[in-house]
Amino acid sequence: MIARSLAGTLLGFTLSAALVALLHALPGGQGALVALLLAFFPLWIGFMTLAFFFRNGSRAWLGLGAANLLAIGALWLVRHGGA
């Protein structure tokens, strides 16, 4: 239970931040900064809740960790790959 809680809290935070940054980096996202910042907290709460749907803590860490890698990789591609 503690492992899933920590996975949801720590990796959920970074995943939410990466998704908000990714949406902000996309074309047209600069005008919606306030809405994206307001969406950060519900996303974080959602990822914390999602962590408890995994069977055990190690799967929560692996699942949310993989999602973090994908989100950060997509953010890197949007910022550096298109220019």
Protein backbone atom coordinates (compact mmCIF):
# COMPACT_ATOMS: atom_id res chain seq x y z
CA MET A 1 0.00 0.00 0.00
CA ILE A 2 2.83 2.41 0.83
CA ALA A 3 4.61 1.59 -2.45
CA ARG A 4 1.50 2.40 -4.47
CA SER A 5 0.95 5.61 -2.48
CA LEU A 6 4.50 6.77 -3.12
CA ALA A 7 4.34 5.79 -6.79
CA GLY A 8 1.13 7.74 -7.24
CA THR A 9 2.40 10.75 -5.35
CA LEU A 10 5.91 11.03 -6.78
CA LEU A 11 5.49 9.68 -10.28
CA GLY A 12 2.00 11.14 -10.56
CA PHE A 13 3.43 14.59 -9.87
CA THR A 14 6.10 14.30 -12.54
CA LEU A 15 3.65 12.78 -15.02
CA SER A 16 1.17 15.59 -14.45
CA ALA A 17 3.89 18.19 -14.86
CA ALA A 18 5.15 16.55 -18.05
CA LEU A 19 1.66 16.39 -19.55
CA VAL A 20 0.91 20.01 -18.71
CA ALA A 21 4.27 21.08 -20.19
CA LEU A 22 3.60 18.94 -23.27
CA LEU A 23 0.20 20.52 -23.83
CA HIS A 24 1.71 23.97 -23.30
CA ALA A 25 4.48 23.23 -25.83
CA LEU A 26 2.05 22.19 -28.55
CA PRO A 27 0.87 24.83 -31.01
CA GLY A 28 -1.96 26.82 -29.49
CA GLY A 29 -1.11 25.78 -25.95
CA GLN A 30 0.50 29.07 -24.99
CA GLY A 31 -2.86 30.80 -24.74
CA ALA A 32 -4.25 28.24 -22.30
CA LEU A 33 -1.61 28.47 -19.57
CA VAL A 34 -4.02 29.23 -16.74
CA ALA A 35 -6.35 26.40 -17.76
CA LEU A 36 -3.41 24.00 -18.00
CA LEU A 37 -2.14 25.01 -14.57
CA LEU A 38 -5.61 24.49 -13.14
CA ALA A 39 -5.75 21.06 -14.78
CA PHE A 40 -2.49 20.03 -13.10
CA PHE A 41 -4.03 19.22 -9.71
CA PRO A 42 -6.93 17.08 -10.98
CA LEU A 43 -4.44 15.20 -13.17
CA TRP A 44 -2.19 14.59 -10.17
CA ILE A 45 -5.10 13.36 -8.06
CA GLY A 46 -6.17 11.11 -10.93
CA PHE A 47 -2.71 9.55 -11.19
CA MET A 48 -2.58 9.05 -7.42
CA THR A 49 -5.89 7.21 -7.68
CA LEU A 50 -4.74 5.25 -10.71
CA ALA A 51 -1.81 3.86 -8.72
CA PHE A 52 -4.25 1.88 -6.56
CA PHE A 53 -5.65 0.06 -9.59
CA PHE A 54 -2.34 -1.75 -10.03
CA ARG A 55 -2.01 -5.19 -8.47
CA ASN A 56 1.02 -4.29 -6.35
CA GLY A 57 3.50 -1.49 -5.74
CA SER A 58 6.14 -2.65 -8.18
CA ARG A 59 3.63 -2.70 -11.03
CA ALA A 60 2.49 0.79 -10.07
CA TRP A 61 6.10 2.02 -10.17
CA LEU A 62 6.71 0.32 -13.51
CA GLY A 63 3.46 1.50 -15.09
CA LEU A 64 3.70 5.10 -13.95
CA GLY A 65 7.44 5.13 -14.63
CA ALA A 66 6.86 4.00 -18.20
CA ALA A 67 4.17 6.65 -18.62
CA ASN A 68 6.64 9.25 -17.33
CA LEU A 69 9.27 8.14 -19.83
CA LEU A 70 6.77 8.38 -22.67
CA ALA A 71 5.50 11.81 -21.61
CA ILE A 72 8.96 13.26 -21.07
CA GLY A 73 10.16 11.73 -24.33
CA ALA A 74 7.21 13.24 -26.20
CA LEU A 75 7.91 16.61 -24.56
CA TRP A 76 11.54 16.40 -25.61
CA LEU A 77 10.53 15.56 -29.18
CA VAL A 78 8.08 18.46 -29.37
CA ARG A 79 10.63 20.94 -28.03
CA HIS A 80 13.75 19.72 -29.84
CA GLY A 81 12.66 17.46 -32.64
CA GLY A 82 10.59 19.94 -34.62
CA ALA A 83 13.08 22.79 -34.71
